[in-house]
Amino acid sequence: MSDVTTALREVEQKTNAALGAVEADGGASPVLTAVVREFARKADKALQSASNGHVRDAVFELEQAGDSAKAAAEADAGAGGATTKLVLDAHLAICMLKAELA
């Protein structure tokens, strides 16, 4: 398993944790839930793409989804602080991975 694949697995774990928190957060908006759900879906897709040798494109696509999730989390006044932190942590993880690839 490559280092990138390992890092993508860690990002996927963080996106799944963020999704679980958003879905359990009664104050989180449906928009935030949908955006974070898409972020988690893109993390799974990135892992599959990495195994097929399409790492760079997968990471860029995942980062875009992470940017959207970050913006939605910061804009959602109803989401709890712990929920927002998990979304921001997942976003930071993909940004750090992208920086390592650059």
PDB file of N, CA and C in Angstrom:
ATOM      1  N   MET A   1       0.848  -1.171   0.000  1.00  0.00           N
ATOM      2  CA  MET A   1       0.000   0.000   0.000  1.00  0.00           C
ATOM      3  C   MET A   1       0.896   1.237   0.000  1.00  0.00           C
ATOM      4  N   SER A   2       0.605   2.181  -0.878  1.00  0.00           N
ATOM      5  CA  SER A   2       1.426   3.375  -0.979  1.00  0.00           C
ATOM      6  C   SER A   2       1.122   4.333   0.166  1.00  0.00           C
ATOM      7  N   ASP A   3       2.059   5.278   0.345  1.00  0.00           N
ATOM      8  CA  ASP A   3       1.844   6.299   1.372  1.00  0.00           C
ATOM      9  C   ASP A   3       0.606   7.136   1.073  1.00  0.00           C
ATOM     10  N   VAL A   4       0.359   7.393  -0.208  1.00  0.00           N
ATOM     11  CA  VAL A   4      -0.816   8.179  -0.587  1.00  0.00           C
ATOM     12  C   VAL A   4      -2.092   7.420  -0.242  1.00  0.00           C
ATOM     13  N   THR A   5      -2.096   6.149  -0.526  1.00  0.00           N
ATOM     14  CA  THR A   5      -3.272   5.342  -0.197  1.00  0.00           C
ATOM     15  C   THR A   5      -3.495   5.330   1.313  1.00  0.00           C
ATOM     16  N   THR A   6      -2.433   5.207   2.074  1.00  0.00           N
ATOM     17  CA  THR A   6      -2.546   5.243   3.530  1.00  0.00           C
ATOM     18  C   THR A   6      -3.108   6.582   3.989  1.00  0.00           C
ATOM     19  N   ALA A   7      -2.600   7.665   3.414  1.00  0.00           N
ATOM     20  CA  ALA A   7      -3.086   8.997   3.767  1.00  0.00           C
ATOM     21  C   ALA A   7      -4.550   9.171   3.363  1.00  0.00           C
ATOM     22  N   LEU A   8      -4.919   8.639   2.203  1.00  0.00           N
ATOM     23  CA  LEU A   8      -6.326   8.725   1.771  1.00  0.00           C
ATOM     24  C   LEU A   8      -7.229   7.937   2.706  1.00  0.00           C
ATOM     25  N   ARG A   9      -6.759   6.825   3.216  1.00  0.00           N
ATOM     26  CA  ARG A   9      -7.556   6.061   4.188  1.00  0.00           C
ATOM     27  C   ARG A   9      -7.787   6.888   5.456  1.00  0.00           C
ATOM     28  N   GLU A  10      -6.765   7.609   5.871  1.00  0.00           N
ATOM     29  CA  GLU A  10      -6.901   8.464   7.055  1.00  0.00           C
ATOM     30  C   GLU A  10      -7.896   9.591   6.792  1.00  0.00           C
ATOM     31  N   VAL A  11      -7.827  10.178   5.592  1.00  0.00           N
ATOM     32  CA  VAL A  11      -8.784  11.221   5.225  1.00  0.00           C
ATOM     33  C   VAL A  11     -10.193  10.635   5.207  1.00  0.00           C
ATOM     34  N   GLU A  12     -10.339   9.444   4.651  1.00  0.00           N
ATOM     35  CA  GLU A  12     -11.648   8.801   4.609  1.00  0.00           C
ATOM     36  C   GLU A  12     -12.191   8.579   6.018  1.00  0.00           C
ATOM     37  N   GLN A  13     -11.332   8.153   6.935  1.00  0.00           N
ATOM     38  CA  GLN A  13     -11.768   7.951   8.322  1.00  0.00           C
ATOM     39  C   GLN A  13     -12.260   9.268   8.927  1.00  0.00           C
ATOM     40  N   LYS A  14     -11.545  10.347   8.627  1.00  0.00           N
ATOM     41  CA  LYS A  14     -11.938  11.650   9.158  1.00  0.00           C
ATOM     42  C   LYS A  14     -13.244  12.138   8.525  1.00  0.00           C
ATOM     43  N   THR A  15     -13.414  11.909   7.234  1.00  0.00           N
ATOM     44  CA  THR A  15     -14.661  12.339   6.590  1.00  0.00           C
ATOM     45  C   THR A  15     -15.838  11.517   7.114  1.00  0.00           C
ATOM     46  N   ASN A  16     -15.614  10.234   7.347  1.00  0.00           N
ATOM     47  CA  ASN A  16     -16.687   9.398   7.898  1.00  0.00           C
ATOM     48  C   ASN A  16     -17.040   9.815   9.321  1.00  0.00           C
ATOM     49  N   ALA A  17     -16.021  10.197  10.110  1.00  0.00           N
ATOM     50  CA  ALA A  17     -16.288  10.690  11.464  1.00  0.00           C
ATOM     51  C   ALA A  17     -17.079  11.992  11.405  1.00  0.00           C
ATOM     52  N   ALA A  18     -16.706  12.866  10.466  1.00  0.00           N
ATOM     53  CA  ALA A  18     -17.431  14.130  10.301  1.00  0.00           C
ATOM     54  C   ALA A  18     -18.874  13.865   9.877  1.00  0.00           C
ATOM     55  N   LEU A  19     -19.062  12.941   8.960  1.00  0.00           N
ATOM     56  CA  LEU A  19     -20.410  12.612   8.507  1.00  0.00           C
ATOM     57  C   LEU A  19     -21.250  12.056   9.658  1.00  0.00           C
ATOM     58  N   GLY A  20     -20.676  11.182  10.442  1.00  0.00           N
ATOM     59  CA  GLY A  20     -21.405  10.639  11.594  1.00  0.00           C
ATOM     60  C   GLY A  20     -21.818  11.726  12.569  1.00  0.00           C
ATOM     61  N   ALA A  21     -20.919  12.669  12.793  1.00  0.00           N
ATOM     62  CA  ALA A  21     -21.220  13.770  13.717  1.00  0.00           C
ATOM     63  C   ALA A  21     -22.317  14.666  13.153  1.00  0.00           C
ATOM     64  N   VAL A  22     -22.225  14.980  11.865  1.00  0.00           N
ATOM     65  CA  VAL A  22     -23.234  15.843  11.243  1.00  0.00           C
ATOM     66  C   VAL A  22     -24.607  15.178  11.276  1.00  0.00           C
ATOM     67  N   GLU A  23     -24.642  13.892  10.955  1.00  0.00           N
ATOM     68  CA  GLU A  23     -25.925  13.182  10.934  1.00  0.00           C
ATOM     69  C   GLU A  23     -26.533  13.062  12.334  1.00  0.00           C
ATOM     70  N   ALA A  24     -25.680  13.032  13.356  1.00  0.00           N
ATOM     71  CA  ALA A  24     -26.173  12.920  14.734  1.00  0.00           C
ATOM     72  C   ALA A  24     -26.469  14.281  15.358  1.00  0.00           C
ATOM     73  N   ASP A  25     -26.052  15.347  14.701  1.00  0.00           N
ATOM     74  CA  ASP A  25     -26.213  16.701  15.235  1.00  0.00           C
ATOM     75  C   ASP A  25     -27.574  17.251  14.814  1.00  0.00           C
ATOM     76  N   GLY A  26     -28.496  17.325  15.758  1.00  0.00           N
ATOM     77  CA  GLY A  26     -29.838  17.812  15.465  1.00  0.00           C
ATOM     78  C   GLY A  26     -29.890  19.255  14.997  1.00  0.00           C
ATOM     79  N   GLY A  27     -28.849  20.012  15.269  1.00  0.00           N
ATOM     80  CA  GLY A  27     -28.821  21.407  14.854  1.00  0.00           C
ATOM     81  C   GLY A  27     -28.205  21.630  13.489  1.00  0.00           C
ATOM     82  N   ALA A  28     -27.565  20.596  12.943  1.00  0.00           N
ATOM     83  CA  ALA A  28     -26.922  20.729  11.630  1.00  0.00           C
ATOM     84  C   ALA A  28     -27.984  20.842  10.541  1.00  0.00           C
ATOM     85  N   SER A  29     -27.727  21.717   9.601  1.00  0.00           N
ATOM     86  CA  SER A  29     -28.689  21.930   8.525  1.00  0.00           C
ATOM     87  C   SER A  29     -28.659  20.785   7.515  1.00  0.00           C
ATOM     88  N   PRO A  30     -29.735  20.611   6.771  1.00  0.00           N
ATOM     89  CA  PRO A  30     -29.746  19.614   5.700  1.00  0.00           C
ATOM     90  C   PRO A  30     -28.684  19.900   4.634  1.00  0.00           C
ATOM     91  N   VAL A  31     -28.375  21.172   4.432  1.00  0.00           N
ATOM     92  CA  VAL A  31     -27.336  21.533   3.459  1.00  0.00           C
ATOM     93  C   VAL A  31     -25.985  21.017   3.930  1.00  0.00           C
ATOM     94  N   LEU A  32     -25.651  21.266   5.194  1.00  0.00           N
ATOM     95  CA  LEU A  32     -24.376  20.776   5.725  1.00  0.00           C
ATOM     96  C   LEU A  32     -24.317  19.262   5.634  1.00  0.00           C
ATOM     97  N   THR A  33     -25.388  18.611   5.980  1.00  0.00           N
ATOM     98  CA  THR A  33     -25.423  17.150   5.917  1.00  0.00           C
ATOM     99  C   THR A  33     -25.168  16.653   4.496  1.00  0.00           C
ATOM    100  N   ALA A  34     -25.804  17.268   3.530  1.00  0.00           N
ATOM    101  CA  ALA A  34     -25.628  16.851   2.137  1.00  0.00           C
ATOM    102  C   ALA A  34     -24.204  17.098   1.651  1.00  0.00           C
ATOM    103  N   VAL A  35     -23.639  18.220   2.017  1.00  0.00           N
ATOM    104  CA  VAL A  35     -22.291  18.560   1.555  1.00  0.00           C
ATOM    105  C   VAL A  35     -21.258  17.619   2.189  1.00  0.00           C
ATOM    106  N   VAL A  36     -21.410  17.345   3.465  1.00  0.00           N
ATOM    107  CA  VAL A  36     -20.466  16.435   4.133  1.00  0.00           C
ATOM    108  C   VAL A  36     -20.663  15.006   3.630  1.00  0.00           C
ATOM    109  N   ARG A  37     -21.893  14.629   3.325  1.00  0.00           N
ATOM    110  CA  ARG A  37     -22.145  13.307   2.746  1.00  0.00           C
ATOM    111  C   ARG A  37     -21.404  13.173   1.408  1.00  0.00           C
ATOM    112  N   GLU A  38     -21.432  14.231   0.612  1.00  0.00           N
ATOM    113  CA  GLU A  38     -20.716  14.233  -0.675  1.00  0.00           C
ATOM    114  C   GLU A  38     -19.202  14.169  -0.450  1.00  0.00           C
ATOM    115  N   PHE A  39     -18.710  14.860   0.550  1.00  0.00           N
ATOM    116  CA  PHE A  39     -17.288  14.823   0.904  1.00  0.00           C
ATOM    117  C   PHE A  39     -16.880  13.384   1.240  1.00  0.00           C
ATOM    118  N   ALA A  40     -17.685  12.706   2.032  1.00  0.00           N
ATOM    119  CA  ALA A  40     -17.389  11.315   2.400  1.00  0.00           C
ATOM    120  C   ALA A  40     -17.452  10.403   1.172  1.00  0.00           C
ATOM    121  N   ARG A  41     -18.403  10.655   0.296  1.00  0.00           N
ATOM    122  CA  ARG A  41     -18.511   9.861  -0.936  1.00  0.00           C
ATOM    123  C   ARG A  41     -17.281  10.061  -1.816  1.00  0.00           C
ATOM    124  N   LYS A  42     -16.811  11.290  -1.885  1.00  0.00           N
ATOM    125  CA  LYS A  42     -15.622  11.587  -2.695  1.00  0.00           C
ATOM    126  C   LYS A  42     -14.373  10.949  -2.081  1.00  0.00           C
ATOM    127  N   ALA A  43     -14.322  10.835  -0.768  1.00  0.00           N
ATOM    128  CA  ALA A  43     -13.185  10.184  -0.116  1.00  0.00           C
ATOM    129  C   ALA A  43     -13.131   8.709  -0.505  1.00  0.00           C
ATOM    130  N   ASP A  44     -14.287   8.067  -0.515  1.00  0.00           N
ATOM    131  CA  ASP A  44     -14.348   6.669  -0.939  1.00  0.00           C
ATOM    132  C   ASP A  44     -13.933   6.537  -2.404  1.00  0.00           C
ATOM    133  N   LYS A  45     -14.427   7.436  -3.226  1.00  0.00           N
ATOM    134  CA  LYS A  45     -14.082   7.421  -4.650  1.00  0.00           C
ATOM    135  C   LYS A  45     -12.588   7.664  -4.850  1.00  0.00           C
ATOM    136  N   ALA A  46     -12.000   8.546  -4.059  1.00  0.00           N
ATOM    137  CA  ALA A  46     -10.564   8.839  -4.171  1.00  0.00           C
ATOM    138  C   ALA A  46      -9.730   7.601  -3.858  1.00  0.00           C
ATOM    139  N   LEU A  47     -10.148   6.849  -2.868  1.00  0.00           N
ATOM    140  CA  LEU A  47      -9.433   5.603  -2.543  1.00  0.00           C
ATOM    141  C   LEU A  47      -9.490   4.629  -3.704  1.00  0.00           C
ATOM    142  N   GLN A  48     -10.647   4.506  -4.316  1.00  0.00           N
ATOM    143  CA  GLN A  48     -10.780   3.611  -5.465  1.00  0.00           C
ATOM    144  C   GLN A  48      -9.940   4.106  -6.632  1.00  0.00           C
ATOM    145  N   SER A  49      -9.947   5.405  -6.882  1.00  0.00           N
ATOM    146  CA  SER A  49      -9.159   5.973  -7.972  1.00  0.00           C
ATOM    147  C   SER A  49      -7.669   5.799  -7.731  1.00  0.00           C
ATOM    148  N   ALA A  50      -7.243   5.942  -6.488  1.00  0.00           N
ATOM    149  CA  ALA A  50      -5.828   5.779  -6.162  1.00  0.00           C
ATOM    150  C   ALA A  50      -5.368   4.364  -6.456  1.00  0.00           C
ATOM    151  N   SER A  51      -6.233   3.408  -6.204  1.00  0.00           N
ATOM    152  CA  SER A  51      -5.857   2.020  -6.473  1.00  0.00           C
ATOM    153  C   SER A  51      -5.765   1.750  -7.972  1.00  0.00           C
ATOM    154  N   ASN A  52      -6.385   2.625  -8.770  1.00  0.00           N
ATOM    155  CA  ASN A  52      -6.313   2.502 -10.229  1.00  0.00           C
ATOM    156  C   ASN A  52      -5.266   3.421 -10.833  1.00  0.00           C
ATOM    157  N   GLY A  53      -4.472   4.086  -9.985  1.00  0.00           N
ATOM    158  CA  GLY A  53      -3.392   4.927 -10.472  1.00  0.00           C
ATOM    159  C   GLY A  53      -3.771   6.356 -10.798  1.00  0.00           C
ATOM    160  N   HIS A  54      -4.951   6.804 -10.417  1.00  0.00           N
ATOM    161  CA  HIS A  54      -5.410   8.160 -10.715  1.00  0.00           C
ATOM    162  C   HIS A  54      -5.399   9.018  -9.451  1.00  0.00           C
ATOM    163  N   VAL A  55      -4.278   9.052  -8.782  1.00  0.00           N
ATOM    164  CA  VAL A  55      -4.180   9.684  -7.476  1.00  0.00           C
ATOM    165  C   VAL A  55      -4.384  11.194  -7.549  1.00  0.00           C
ATOM    166  N   ARG A  56      -3.655  11.849  -8.421  1.00  0.00           N
ATOM    167  CA  ARG A  56      -3.661  13.310  -8.451  1.00  0.00           C
ATOM    168  C   ARG A  56      -5.065  13.879  -8.684  1.00  0.00           C
ATOM    169  N   ASP A  57      -5.752  13.367  -9.686  1.00  0.00           N
ATOM    170  CA  ASP A  57      -7.106  13.841  -9.980  1.00  0.00           C
ATOM    171  C   ASP A  57      -8.046  13.580  -8.804  1.00  0.00           C
ATOM    172  N   ALA A  58      -7.903  12.415  -8.188  1.00  0.00           N
ATOM    173  CA  ALA A  58      -8.767  12.060  -7.061  1.00  0.00           C
ATOM    174  C   ALA A  58      -8.545  13.001  -5.883  1.00  0.00           C
ATOM    175  N   VAL A  59      -7.295  13.344  -5.628  1.00  0.00           N
ATOM    176  CA  VAL A  59      -6.986  14.229  -4.504  1.00  0.00           C
ATOM    177  C   VAL A  59      -7.530  15.631  -4.765  1.00  0.00           C
ATOM    178  N   PHE A  60      -7.386  16.126  -5.991  1.00  0.00           N
ATOM    179  CA  PHE A  60      -7.909  17.455  -6.313  1.00  0.00           C
ATOM    180  C   PHE A  60      -9.428  17.493  -6.180  1.00  0.00           C
ATOM    181  N   GLU A  61     -10.097  16.456  -6.666  1.00  0.00           N
ATOM    182  CA  GLU A  61     -11.554  16.397  -6.563  1.00  0.00           C
ATOM    183  C   GLU A  61     -11.995  16.322  -5.103  1.00  0.00           C
ATOM    184  N   LEU A  62     -11.261  15.551  -4.318  1.00  0.00           N
ATOM    185  CA  LEU A  62     -11.582  15.420  -2.900  1.00  0.00           C
ATOM    186  C   LEU A  62     -11.355  16.744  -2.169  1.00  0.00           C
ATOM    187  N   GLU A  63     -10.305  17.447  -2.545  1.00  0.00           N
ATOM    188  CA  GLU A  63     -10.057  18.733  -1.896  1.00  0.00           C
ATOM    189  C   GLU A  63     -11.190  19.725  -2.190  1.00  0.00           C
ATOM    190  N   GLN A  64     -11.692  19.714  -3.408  1.00  0.00           N
ATOM    191  CA  GLN A  64     -12.807  20.607  -3.745  1.00  0.00           C
ATOM    192  C   GLN A  64     -14.035  20.287  -2.895  1.00  0.00           C
ATOM    193  N   ALA A  65     -14.310  19.009  -2.716  1.00  0.00           N
ATOM    194  CA  ALA A  65     -15.436  18.608  -1.860  1.00  0.00           C
ATOM    195  C   ALA A  65     -15.179  19.040  -0.416  1.00  0.00           C
ATOM    196  N   GLY A  66     -13.931  18.917   0.012  1.00  0.00           N
ATOM    197  CA  GLY A  66     -13.570  19.352   1.361  1.00  0.00           C
ATOM    198  C   GLY A  66     -13.725  20.849   1.553  1.00  0.00           C
ATOM    199  N   ASP A  67     -13.371  21.620   0.524  1.00  0.00           N
ATOM    200  CA  ASP A  67     -13.543  23.072   0.590  1.00  0.00           C
ATOM    201  C   ASP A  67     -15.022  23.424   0.766  1.00  0.00           C
ATOM    202  N   SER A  68     -15.880  22.731   0.038  1.00  0.00           N
ATOM    203  CA  SER A  68     -17.321  22.971   0.154  1.00  0.00           C
ATOM    204  C   SER A  68     -17.823  22.594   1.547  1.00  0.00           C
ATOM    205  N   ALA A  69     -17.338  21.484   2.073  1.00  0.00           N
ATOM    206  CA  ALA A  69     -17.750  21.051   3.408  1.00  0.00           C
ATOM    207  C   ALA A  69     -17.285  22.054   4.464  1.00  0.00           C
ATOM    208  N   LYS A  70     -16.073  22.542   4.324  1.00  0.00           N
ATOM    209  CA  LYS A  70     -15.547  23.535   5.269  1.00  0.00           C
ATOM    210  C   LYS A  70     -16.415  24.788   5.248  1.00  0.00           C
ATOM    211  N   ALA A  71     -16.706  25.290   4.057  1.00  0.00           N
ATOM    212  CA  ALA A  71     -17.528  26.498   3.939  1.00  0.00           C
ATOM    213  C   ALA A  71     -18.914  26.275   4.542  1.00  0.00           C
ATOM    214  N   ALA A  72     -19.499  25.124   4.277  1.00  0.00           N
ATOM    215  CA  ALA A  72     -20.832  24.832   4.815  1.00  0.00           C
ATOM    216  C   ALA A  72     -20.800  24.727   6.334  1.00  0.00           C
ATOM    217  N   ALA A  73     -19.764  24.100   6.874  1.00  0.00           N
ATOM    218  CA  ALA A  73     -19.654  23.950   8.327  1.00  0.00           C
ATOM    219  C   ALA A  73     -19.478  25.306   9.003  1.00  0.00           C
ATOM    220  N   GLU A  74     -18.672  26.161   8.401  1.00  0.00           N
ATOM    221  CA  GLU A  74     -18.444  27.482   8.986  1.00  0.00           C
ATOM    222  C   GLU A  74     -19.694  28.365   8.901  1.00  0.00           C
ATOM    223  N   ALA A  75     -20.527  28.136   7.900  1.00  0.00           N
ATOM    224  CA  ALA A  75     -21.732  28.945   7.706  1.00  0.00           C
ATOM    225  C   ALA A  75     -22.927  28.441   8.505  1.00  0.00           C
ATOM    226  N   ASP A  76     -22.871  27.212   8.981  1.00  0.00           N
ATOM    227  CA  ASP A  76     -24.013  26.605   9.664  1.00  0.00           C
ATOM    228  C   ASP A  76     -23.994  26.956  11.154  1.00  0.00           C
ATOM    229  N   ALA A  77     -24.777  27.950  11.516  1.00  0.00           N
ATOM    230  CA  ALA A  77     -24.817  28.405  12.910  1.00  0.00           C
ATOM    231  C   ALA A  77     -25.469  27.376  13.836  1.00  0.00           C
ATOM    232  N   GLY A  78     -26.221  26.441  13.283  1.00  0.00           N
ATOM    233  CA  GLY A  78     -26.909  25.458  14.111  1.00  0.00           C
ATOM    234  C   GLY A  78     -26.075  24.246  14.474  1.00  0.00           C
ATOM    235  N   ALA A  79     -25.013  24.019  13.730  1.00  0.00           N
ATOM    236  CA  ALA A  79     -24.164  22.851  13.998  1.00  0.00           C
ATOM    237  C   ALA A  79     -23.357  23.070  15.270  1.00  0.00           C
ATOM    238  N   GLY A  80     -23.176  22.004  16.008  1.00  0.00           N
ATOM    239  CA  GLY A  80     -22.400  22.089  17.242  1.00  0.00           C
ATOM    240  C   GLY A  80     -20.917  22.289  16.978  1.00  0.00           C
ATOM    241  N   GLY A  81     -20.224  22.781  17.956  1.00  0.00           N
ATOM    242  CA  GLY A  81     -18.792  23.038  17.829  1.00  0.00           C
ATOM    243  C   GLY A  81     -17.987  21.784  17.525  1.00  0.00           C
ATOM    244  N   ALA A  82     -18.349  20.682  18.147  1.00  0.00           N
ATOM    245  CA  ALA A  82     -17.626  19.425  17.904  1.00  0.00           C
ATOM    246  C   ALA A  82     -17.850  18.945  16.473  1.00  0.00           C
ATOM    247  N   THR A  83     -19.049  19.129  15.976  1.00  0.00           N
ATOM    248  CA  THR A  83     -19.361  18.750  14.598  1.00  0.00           C
ATOM    249  C   THR A  83     -18.526  19.575  13.627  1.00  0.00           C
ATOM    250  N   THR A  84     -18.534  20.875  13.834  1.00  0.00           N
ATOM    251  CA  THR A  84     -17.761  21.767  12.965  1.00  0.00           C
ATOM    252  C   THR A  84     -16.285  21.405  12.999  1.00  0.00           C
ATOM    253  N   LYS A  85     -15.766  21.120  14.179  1.00  0.00           N
ATOM    254  CA  LYS A  85     -14.345  20.767  14.311  1.00  0.00           C
ATOM    255  C   LYS A  85     -14.019  19.509  13.519  1.00  0.00           C
ATOM    256  N   LEU A  86     -14.873  18.511  13.554  1.00  0.00           N
ATOM    257  CA  LEU A  86     -14.607  17.281  12.806  1.00  0.00           C
ATOM    258  C   LEU A  86     -14.602  17.530  11.299  1.00  0.00           C
ATOM    259  N   VAL A  87     -15.490  18.383  10.830  1.00  0.00           N
ATOM    260  CA  VAL A  87     -15.503  18.720   9.401  1.00  0.00           C
ATOM    261  C   VAL A  87     -14.215  19.468   9.040  1.00  0.00           C
ATOM    262  N   LEU A  88     -13.828  20.416   9.876  1.00  0.00           N
ATOM    263  CA  LEU A  88     -12.603  21.176   9.607  1.00  0.00           C
ATOM    264  C   LEU A  88     -11.367  20.283   9.681  1.00  0.00           C
ATOM    265  N   ASP A  89     -11.359  19.325  10.574  1.00  0.00           N
ATOM    266  CA  ASP A  89     -10.237  18.382  10.669  1.00  0.00           C
ATOM    267  C   ASP A  89     -10.121  17.540   9.395  1.00  0.00           C
ATOM    268  N   ALA A  90     -11.259  17.104   8.869  1.00  0.00           N
ATOM    269  CA  ALA A  90     -11.246  16.319   7.630  1.00  0.00           C
ATOM    270  C   ALA A  90     -10.764  17.178   6.468  1.00  0.00           C
ATOM    271  N   HIS A  91     -11.200  18.421   6.428  1.00  0.00           N
ATOM    272  CA  HIS A  91     -10.745  19.336   5.380  1.00  0.00           C
ATOM    273  C   HIS A  91      -9.242  19.548   5.473  1.00  0.00           C
ATOM    274  N   LEU A  92      -8.736  19.769   6.670  1.00  0.00           N
ATOM    275  CA  LEU A  92      -7.303  19.979   6.857  1.00  0.00           C
ATOM    276  C   LEU A  92      -6.507  18.753   6.410  1.00  0.00           C
ATOM    277  N   ALA A  93      -7.018  17.573   6.680  1.00  0.00           N
ATOM    278  CA  ALA A  93      -6.321  16.343   6.302  1.00  0.00           C
ATOM    279  C   ALA A  93      -6.133  16.246   4.790  1.00  0.00           C
ATOM    280  N   ILE A  94      -7.150  16.584   4.017  1.00  0.00           N
ATOM    281  CA  ILE A  94      -7.002  16.506   2.563  1.00  0.00           C
ATOM    282  C   ILE A  94      -6.114  17.630   2.059  1.00  0.00           C
ATOM    283  N   CYS A  95      -6.171  18.796   2.678  1.00  0.00           N
ATOM    284  CA  CYS A  95      -5.277  19.888   2.268  1.00  0.00           C
ATOM    285  C   CYS A  95      -3.810  19.519   2.504  1.00  0.00           C
ATOM    286  N   MET A  96      -3.546  18.880   3.623  1.00  0.00           N
ATOM    287  CA  MET A  96      -2.173  18.471   3.928  1.00  0.00           C
ATOM    288  C   MET A  96      -1.696  17.415   2.933  1.00  0.00           C
ATOM    289  N   LEU A  97      -2.566  16.489   2.564  1.00  0.00           N
ATOM    290  CA  LEU A  97      -2.192  15.470   1.588  1.00  0.00           C
ATOM    291  C   LEU A  97      -1.903  16.112   0.237  1.00  0.00           C
ATOM    292  N   LYS A  98      -2.731  17.041  -0.166  1.00  0.00           N
ATOM    293  CA  LYS A  98      -2.511  17.723  -1.458  1.00  0.00           C
ATOM    294  C   LYS A  98      -1.171  18.464  -1.434  1.00  0.00           C
ATOM    295  N   ALA A  99      -0.868  19.102  -0.338  1.00  0.00           N
ATOM    296  CA  ALA A  99       0.408  19.833  -0.232  1.00  0.00           C
ATOM    297  C   ALA A  99       1.592  18.884  -0.349  1.00  0.00           C
ATOM    298  N   GLU A 100       1.458  17.692   0.176  1.00  0.00           N
ATOM    299  CA  GLU A 100       2.533  16.704   0.084  1.00  0.00           C
ATOM    300  C   GLU A 100       2.744  16.238  -1.362  1.00  0.00           C
ATOM    301  N   LEU A 101       1.669  16.234  -2.150  1.00  0.00           N
ATOM    302  CA  LEU A 101       1.766  15.787  -3.539  1.00  0.00           C
ATOM    303  C   LEU A 101       2.308  16.866  -4.469  1.00  0.00           C
ATOM    304  N   ALA A 102       2.203  18.117  -4.038  1.00  0.00           N
ATOM    305  CA  ALA A 102       2.618  19.233  -4.909  1.00  0.00           C
ATOM    306  C   ALA A 102       4.114  19.319  -5.062  1.00  0.00           C
TER     307      ALA A 102
END
